[in-house]
Amino acid sequence: KIISDQIFINQEKNTITGKGNVLIIGEKISSKANEIIYSKDDGLIEAKGNVALKDEYGNNYFTDLLVTKDDFSSLNANNVKIRLNDNSRLVGSKIIKKNDVNIISNADYTPCLKENYLIKNCPGWKLRANKVYHNLKTKTVHYDHARIHIFNIPILYLPYFAHPDPSVKKRTGFLMPTIQTDDQLGYVFEVPFYYDISGNKDLT
């Protein structure tokens, strides 16, 4: 379904172009942009200008130019900002989606919300990686050459790191790092490990 201020149909190329406040609604995605070109033959959607896309998992993607399939089996965009369904954020220079895996280059991940920043434009902590692989099917986020930054200062290097994405309720593995203050120790950085023993038993 395409809703737009203007709609142009090219029967020769079998394309539909929407211009001005364009909203496109599919089975797995919904997107809005200033302009959208939909190629019916190959199912490609090209969105331009103030692009916002929401996938079937509740994740939101923001960029200025995006190309995707109408079944969301592929995605290609530069300078993308992603707000995951728990409001944590991934920002990268490029995203490529292949089937169920999002590959984000030069990526920063942080769960910190801007209204909770202690320093302007600086989250309390973030993970920075050369590449981030977000497997939407297994609901796992993998980091290639990750660095943990506290107040934009790198403090720990990890060749590989992974954790469940925000949609996972229970799974054995590392939990999100936290920063706390202690009267005697000052700032304390913690990376807890969670062990799911059974349905009603767990250990942290």
Protein backbone atom coordinates (compact mmCIF):
# COMPACT_ATOMS: atom_id res chain seq x y z
CA LYS A 1 0.00 0.00 0.00
CA ILE A 2 1.42 3.39 -1.04
CA ILE A 3 0.06 6.69 0.27
CA SER A 4 1.58 9.89 -1.11
CA ASP A 5 0.91 13.50 -2.11
CA GLN A 6 1.69 12.52 -5.71
CA ILE A 7 1.85 9.11 -7.38
CA PHE A 8 3.32 8.44 -10.85
CA ILE A 9 2.94 5.08 -12.63
CA ASN A 10 5.37 4.07 -15.37
CA GLN A 11 3.77 1.14 -17.20
CA GLU A 12 6.79 0.61 -19.48
CA LYS A 13 9.24 0.16 -16.55
CA ASN A 14 6.50 -1.21 -14.27
CA THR A 15 7.41 1.21 -11.47
CA ILE A 16 5.41 3.34 -9.05
CA THR A 17 6.90 6.62 -7.79
CA GLY A 18 5.52 8.48 -4.79
CA LYS A 19 6.58 12.04 -4.00
CA GLY A 20 5.82 14.11 -0.92
CA ASN A 21 4.98 12.59 2.48
CA VAL A 22 5.21 9.07 1.14
CA LEU A 23 4.07 6.16 3.28
CA ILE A 24 4.53 2.58 2.07
CA ILE A 25 3.08 -0.34 4.05
CA GLY A 26 4.08 -3.94 3.35
CA GLU A 27 3.63 -7.28 5.03
CA LYS A 28 6.94 -7.10 6.93
CA ILE A 29 7.94 -3.41 6.79
CA SER A 30 6.51 0.09 6.82
CA SER A 31 8.44 3.12 5.63
CA LYS A 32 8.05 6.83 5.11
CA ALA A 33 10.21 9.19 3.06
CA ASN A 34 10.14 12.26 0.83
CA GLU A 35 10.27 10.05 -2.27
CA ILE A 36 9.88 6.33 -2.91
CA ILE A 37 10.37 4.37 -6.15
CA TYR A 38 8.89 0.88 -6.17
CA SER A 39 9.92 -1.54 -8.92
CA LYS A 40 7.19 -4.18 -9.14
CA ASP A 41 9.24 -6.59 -11.32
CA ASP A 42 12.05 -7.21 -8.78
CA GLY A 43 10.27 -5.98 -5.63
CA LEU A 44 12.88 -3.26 -4.96
CA ILE A 45 12.02 -0.16 -2.93
CA GLU A 46 14.28 2.91 -3.16
CA ALA A 47 13.50 5.54 -0.53
CA LYS A 48 15.04 9.03 -0.49
CA GLY A 49 15.02 11.91 1.98
CA ASN A 50 14.20 11.65 5.70
CA VAL A 51 13.74 7.90 5.44
CA ALA A 52 12.28 6.03 8.41
CA LEU A 53 11.68 2.29 8.17
CA LYS A 54 10.19 -0.08 10.75
CA ASP A 55 10.78 -3.83 10.42
CA GLU A 56 8.65 -6.74 11.62
CA TYR A 57 10.67 -6.97 14.87
CA GLY A 58 9.89 -3.40 15.93
CA ASN A 59 13.35 -1.98 15.05
CA ASN A 60 13.44 1.46 13.42
CA TYR A 61 15.99 2.55 10.79
CA PHE A 62 16.74 6.19 9.91
CA THR A 63 18.79 7.38 6.93
CA ASP A 64 18.63 9.63 3.84
CA LEU A 65 18.84 6.94 1.15
CA LEU A 66 17.78 3.32 1.45
CA VAL A 67 17.28 0.38 -0.92
CA THR A 68 15.39 -2.69 0.27
CA LYS A 69 13.31 -5.59 -0.99
CA ASP A 70 9.59 -5.47 -0.27
CA ASP A 71 9.92 -8.73 1.74
CA PHE A 72 12.86 -7.18 3.69
CA SER A 73 15.23 -9.98 2.60
CA SER A 74 17.86 -7.35 1.71
CA LEU A 75 18.74 -3.81 2.76
CA ASN A 76 21.45 -1.34 1.78
CA ALA A 77 22.01 2.13 3.25
CA ASN A 78 24.76 4.53 4.34
CA ASN A 79 24.98 6.61 7.53
CA VAL A 80 22.22 4.68 9.28
CA LYS A 81 20.82 5.13 12.77
CA ILE A 82 18.94 2.19 14.28
CA ARG A 83 16.70 2.32 17.33
CA LEU A 84 16.13 -1.22 18.56
CA ASN A 85 12.82 -2.21 20.10
CA ASP A 86 14.06 -1.49 23.66
CA ASN A 87 15.17 2.06 22.63
CA SER A 88 18.90 1.15 22.62
CA ARG A 89 20.74 2.48 19.57
CA LEU A 90 23.10 1.34 16.84
CA VAL A 91 24.78 3.91 14.60
CA GLY A 92 26.95 2.97 11.63
CA SER A 93 28.51 4.25 8.42
CA LYS A 94 26.86 1.49 6.35
CA ILE A 95 24.33 -1.30 6.71
CA ILE A 96 23.85 -4.34 4.50
CA LYS A 97 21.13 -6.88 5.24
CA LYS A 98 21.41 -10.41 3.90
CA ASN A 99 18.42 -12.57 4.74
CA ASP A 100 18.21 -12.45 8.56
CA VAL A 101 21.55 -10.74 9.32
CA ASN A 102 22.19 -6.98 9.52
CA ILE A 103 25.86 -6.10 8.95
CA ILE A 104 26.70 -2.62 10.25
CA SER A 105 30.15 -1.12 9.56
CA ASN A 106 32.00 1.27 11.91
CA ALA A 107 29.24 0.88 14.45
CA ASP A 108 28.51 2.29 17.90
CA TYR A 109 26.03 0.61 20.24
CA THR A 110 24.66 2.14 23.43
CA PRO A 111 21.56 1.61 25.58
CA CYS A 112 22.00 5.07 27.12
CA LEU A 113 19.20 7.52 26.35
CA LYS A 114 20.13 11.10 25.53
CA GLU A 115 18.08 12.49 28.41
CA ASN A 116 20.26 10.42 30.78
CA TYR A 117 23.63 11.62 29.42
CA LEU A 118 25.92 12.98 32.14
CA ILE A 119 27.96 14.84 29.52
CA LYS A 120 26.44 16.56 26.46
CA ASN A 121 26.48 14.32 23.35
CA CYS A 122 28.29 11.61 25.32
CA PRO A 123 26.65 8.37 26.50
CA GLY A 124 27.90 6.88 29.76
CA TRP A 125 29.19 3.85 27.88
CA LYS A 126 29.14 2.42 24.38
CA LEU A 127 30.52 -0.46 22.36
CA ARG A 128 32.39 0.52 19.21
CA ALA A 129 33.26 -2.12 16.61
CA ASN A 130 34.62 -2.40 13.08
CA LYS A 131 31.56 -4.50 12.22
CA VAL A 132 28.43 -5.52 14.07
CA TYR A 133 26.38 -8.53 12.97
CA HIS A 134 22.80 -8.47 14.23
CA ASN A 135 21.19 -11.84 13.57
CA LEU A 136 17.46 -11.16 13.62
CA LYS A 137 16.61 -14.88 13.60
CA THR A 138 18.81 -16.02 16.51
CA LYS A 139 18.34 -12.60 18.18
CA THR A 140 22.08 -12.20 18.84
CA VAL A 141 24.38 -9.21 18.31
CA HIS A 142 28.01 -10.06 17.41
CA TYR A 143 30.90 -7.56 17.52
CA ASP A 144 34.11 -7.79 15.47
CA HIS A 145 37.08 -6.03 17.17
CA ALA A 146 35.00 -4.29 19.85
CA ARG A 147 36.14 -1.54 22.19
CA ILE A 148 34.22 -0.59 25.31
CA HIS A 149 34.19 3.20 25.77
CA ILE A 150 33.31 4.98 29.00
CA PHE A 151 32.62 8.70 28.47
CA ASN A 152 34.18 8.33 24.99
CA ILE A 153 37.43 6.91 26.44
CA PRO A 154 38.32 3.36 25.27
CA ILE A 155 39.09 1.16 28.29
CA LEU A 156 38.81 -2.45 27.05
CA TYR A 157 39.49 -4.22 23.74
CA LEU A 158 37.66 -7.43 22.82
CA PRO A 159 38.53 -9.24 19.56
CA TYR A 160 35.07 -10.77 19.66
CA PHE A 161 32.01 -10.08 21.77
CA ALA A 162 28.34 -11.09 21.57
CA HIS A 163 25.15 -10.64 23.54
CA PRO A 164 21.42 -11.32 23.03
CA ASP A 165 19.44 -8.53 21.41
CA PRO A 166 16.85 -6.61 23.47
CA SER A 167 13.95 -8.87 22.44
CA VAL A 168 15.44 -11.88 24.30
CA LYS A 169 13.86 -12.44 27.73
CA LYS A 170 16.24 -15.13 29.11
CA ARG A 171 19.49 -16.59 27.76
CA THR A 172 22.81 -17.63 29.27
CA GLY A 173 25.54 -15.10 28.52
CA PHE A 174 26.94 -11.68 29.36
CA LEU A 175 24.44 -9.01 30.35
CA MET A 176 24.65 -5.34 29.46
CA PRO A 177 27.51 -3.51 31.18
CA THR A 178 26.50 -1.03 33.87
CA ILE A 179 28.17 1.99 35.45
CA GLN A 180 27.55 2.62 39.15
CA THR A 181 28.98 4.95 41.77
CA ASP A 182 30.38 3.74 45.07
CA ASP A 183 31.25 5.92 48.08
CA GLN A 184 34.62 4.19 48.49
CA LEU A 185 35.52 3.04 44.97
CA GLY A 186 34.06 5.88 42.90
CA TYR A 187 32.81 4.80 39.47
CA VAL A 188 32.39 1.03 39.10
CA PHE A 189 32.07 -0.68 35.70
CA GLU A 190 30.39 -4.09 35.76
CA VAL A 191 29.84 -6.76 33.09
CA PRO A 192 27.62 -9.39 34.76
CA PHE A 193 27.26 -12.96 33.48
CA TYR A 194 23.81 -14.57 33.52
CA TYR A 195 23.27 -18.34 33.67
CA ASP A 196 19.79 -19.67 32.82
CA ILE A 197 19.58 -22.94 34.77
CA SER A 198 15.92 -23.74 34.08
CA GLY A 199 12.54 -22.06 33.68
CA ASN A 200 12.42 -20.92 37.32
CA LYS A 201 16.12 -20.98 38.26
CA ASP A 202 18.94 -18.67 37.24
CA LEU A 203 22.24 -17.32 38.51
CA THR A 204 23.97 -13.96 37.95
